[in-house]
Amino acid sequence: MNPTDLGTDEIHKRHSVRIESNQKVPRAIVMDQMIIDRYLMEGLLTIVEHQSGEYILSCAAKAGMFAKGSNWEDEGGRGKMDNVPLRIFPFGRLMSKIKKRYGSYTSFIVCRTVCDNVDIKDNEYKMGELKKGLNYIADSRLGGGRNPLKKFKSGSQARSG
């Protein structure tokens, strides 16, 4: 009998699962683990909006927003432990950026949906707020709408000025 990691029947019932078999042991990959993944698969979010959500989720994880277990393989003794979560500041600035542009409610909806995995697809207004916030992050943080040559003067301006 060959070993597999194909997941349980419950996982297959609740999620969209892809089987990856290019390794020695075939395994199941959950495609719609987070709500933003489901929204992407259902066509409610664009790729860019989904990438913004993933970016926010990454910042939240680095900020220590989600519980994680202890590393029992850590040898310790590498210096003193710092309990100040400095990575919380980039996440806070990200949410403040949305709040400053669109208000507290939009910032709340983005955080609640992306980080807390709350389903809002039945509320058209909330979905609009989510999309607005995610698009703003895409434009301001992920390079959308930015001109990388903006800091250089064009040839005609350089010669005349």
Protein backbone atom coordinates (compact mmCIF):
# COMPACT_ATOMS: atom_id res chain seq x y z
CA MET A 1 0.00 0.00 0.00
CA ASN A 2 1.39 3.41 -0.99
CA PRO A 3 1.31 6.19 1.62
CA THR A 4 -0.76 9.29 0.77
CA ASP A 5 -1.73 12.59 2.32
CA LEU A 6 -5.03 13.06 0.49
CA GLY A 7 -6.95 14.52 3.41
CA THR A 8 -10.16 13.43 5.07
CA ASP A 9 -13.63 13.11 3.58
CA GLU A 10 -14.65 16.17 5.64
CA ILE A 11 -12.01 18.34 3.96
CA HIS A 12 -13.16 17.17 0.53
CA LYS A 13 -16.78 18.01 1.41
CA ARG A 14 -16.09 21.50 2.78
CA HIS A 15 -13.34 22.74 0.46
CA SER A 16 -12.18 22.71 -3.12
CA VAL A 17 -9.21 20.34 -3.15
CA ARG A 18 -6.53 19.77 -5.77
CA ILE A 19 -4.46 16.59 -5.71
CA GLU A 20 -0.75 17.15 -6.20
CA SER A 21 0.93 13.96 -7.32
CA ASN A 22 4.29 15.09 -8.69
CA GLN A 23 6.02 14.08 -5.45
CA LYS A 24 6.74 10.68 -3.94
CA VAL A 25 3.64 10.94 -1.78
CA PRO A 26 0.45 12.36 -3.35
CA ARG A 27 -1.16 15.07 -1.24
CA ALA A 28 -4.27 17.22 -1.17
CA ILE A 29 -3.94 21.01 -1.49
CA VAL A 30 -6.89 23.04 -0.18
CA MET A 31 -7.63 25.75 -2.76
CA ASP A 32 -10.23 27.76 -0.83
CA GLN A 33 -8.94 27.81 2.71
CA MET A 34 -9.59 31.53 3.31
CA ILE A 35 -12.74 33.47 2.41
CA ILE A 36 -10.82 35.65 -0.05
CA ASP A 37 -9.77 32.47 -1.87
CA ARG A 38 -13.42 31.49 -2.24
CA TYR A 39 -14.32 34.97 -3.45
CA LEU A 40 -11.60 34.71 -6.11
CA MET A 41 -12.81 31.30 -7.25
CA GLU A 42 -16.42 32.57 -7.40
CA GLY A 43 -15.39 35.63 -9.41
CA LEU A 44 -16.31 38.10 -6.65
CA LEU A 45 -12.71 39.38 -6.40
CA THR A 46 -10.15 40.02 -9.12
CA ILE A 47 -6.62 38.63 -9.01
CA VAL A 48 -5.30 42.05 -7.98
CA GLU A 49 -7.82 42.35 -5.13
CA HIS A 50 -6.95 38.83 -3.99
CA GLN A 51 -3.23 39.67 -4.03
CA SER A 52 -3.97 42.72 -1.87
CA GLY A 53 -5.82 40.47 0.56
CA GLU A 54 -2.88 38.08 0.66
CA TYR A 55 -0.55 41.02 1.33
CA ILE A 56 -2.74 42.20 4.23
CA LEU A 57 -2.87 38.65 5.59
CA SER A 58 0.92 38.42 5.39
CA CYS A 59 1.33 41.71 7.29
CA ALA A 60 -1.16 40.52 9.92
CA ALA A 61 0.71 37.22 10.36
CA LYS A 62 4.06 39.02 10.71
CA ALA A 63 2.44 41.33 13.27
CA GLY A 64 1.60 38.32 15.43
CA MET A 65 -2.13 38.63 14.93
CA PHE A 66 -2.58 34.86 14.76
CA ALA A 67 -1.62 32.40 17.49
CA LYS A 68 1.23 30.05 16.74
CA GLY A 69 2.69 27.15 18.64
CA SER A 70 6.04 26.98 20.33
CA ASN A 71 9.11 25.89 18.45
CA TRP A 72 10.28 22.89 20.47
CA GLU A 73 13.39 22.48 18.32
CA ASP A 74 14.66 25.96 19.21
CA GLU A 75 17.80 25.71 21.27
CA GLY A 76 17.25 29.02 23.01
CA GLY A 77 19.98 31.01 24.71
CA ARG A 78 20.62 33.17 21.65
CA GLY A 79 20.10 36.43 23.46
CA LYS A 80 17.33 38.05 25.36
CA MET A 81 13.79 37.69 24.13
CA ASP A 82 12.07 40.82 22.87
CA ASN A 83 8.35 40.91 23.64
CA VAL A 84 7.69 44.11 21.72
CA PRO A 85 5.87 43.17 18.48
CA LEU A 86 7.49 45.73 16.17
CA ARG A 87 5.94 44.10 13.12
CA ILE A 88 2.54 45.38 14.29
CA PHE A 89 3.40 48.86 13.02
CA PRO A 90 3.39 48.06 9.27
CA PHE A 91 0.02 46.32 9.66
CA GLY A 92 -1.35 49.25 11.64
CA ARG A 93 -0.11 51.72 9.02
CA LEU A 94 -1.76 49.66 6.31
CA MET A 95 -5.13 49.74 8.06
CA SER A 96 -4.67 53.45 8.87
CA LYS A 97 -4.01 54.16 5.20
CA ILE A 98 -7.40 52.64 4.28
CA LYS A 99 -9.07 54.45 7.20
CA LYS A 100 -7.61 57.81 6.16
CA ARG A 101 -8.75 57.36 2.55
CA TYR A 102 -12.19 55.76 2.99
CA GLY A 103 -13.02 55.86 6.70
CA SER A 104 -13.13 53.53 9.69
CA TYR A 105 -15.89 51.34 8.33
CA THR A 106 -14.00 50.34 5.18
CA SER A 107 -10.88 49.62 7.21
CA PHE A 108 -12.96 47.50 9.60
CA ILE A 109 -14.62 45.55 6.77
CA VAL A 110 -11.26 44.82 5.10
CA CYS A 111 -9.67 43.64 8.36
CA ARG A 112 -12.71 41.66 9.44
CA THR A 113 -13.10 39.89 6.11
CA VAL A 114 -9.46 39.23 5.29
CA CYS A 115 -8.00 38.57 8.76
CA ASP A 116 -11.00 37.18 10.64
CA ASN A 117 -12.27 35.24 7.62
CA VAL A 118 -15.85 36.57 7.89
CA ASP A 119 -18.15 35.95 4.93
CA ILE A 120 -19.81 39.15 3.64
CA LYS A 121 -20.73 38.16 0.09
CA ASP A 122 -24.49 38.44 0.79
CA ASN A 123 -24.13 42.17 1.54
CA GLU A 124 -23.48 44.13 -1.63
CA TYR A 125 -22.50 47.30 0.23
CA LYS A 126 -19.90 45.49 2.35
CA MET A 127 -18.49 43.76 -0.74
CA GLY A 128 -18.13 47.18 -2.37
CA GLU A 129 -16.26 48.49 0.68
CA LEU A 130 -13.99 45.44 0.68
CA LYS A 131 -13.18 45.83 -3.01
CA LYS A 132 -12.56 49.57 -2.55
CA GLY A 133 -10.09 48.94 0.28
CA LEU A 134 -8.30 46.09 -1.51
CA ASN A 135 -7.96 48.11 -4.72
CA TYR A 136 -6.54 51.03 -2.75
CA ILE A 137 -3.89 48.75 -1.22
CA ALA A 138 -3.11 47.37 -4.68
CA ASP A 139 -2.65 50.87 -6.06
CA SER A 140 -0.68 52.28 -3.16
CA ARG A 141 1.37 49.31 -1.90
CA LEU A 142 1.61 46.72 -4.63
CA GLY A 143 2.79 49.00 -7.40
CA GLY A 144 -0.49 49.48 -9.20
CA GLY A 145 -0.77 52.96 -10.64
CA ARG A 146 2.85 53.78 -9.89
CA ASN A 147 5.17 55.01 -12.59
CA PRO A 148 8.69 53.73 -11.83
CA LEU A 149 10.20 56.37 -14.14
CA LYS A 150 8.42 59.25 -12.41
CA LYS A 151 11.56 60.39 -10.60
CA PHE A 152 13.47 60.80 -13.87
CA LYS A 153 12.82 63.75 -16.12
CA SER A 154 11.91 62.98 -19.69
CA GLY A 155 14.46 63.86 -22.38
CA SER A 156 12.60 66.95 -23.61
CA GLN A 157 12.17 68.35 -20.08
CA ALA A 158 15.84 67.75 -19.22
CA ARG A 159 17.06 69.67 -22.27
CA SER A 160 14.71 72.64 -21.86
CA GLY A 161 15.08 73.03 -18.09
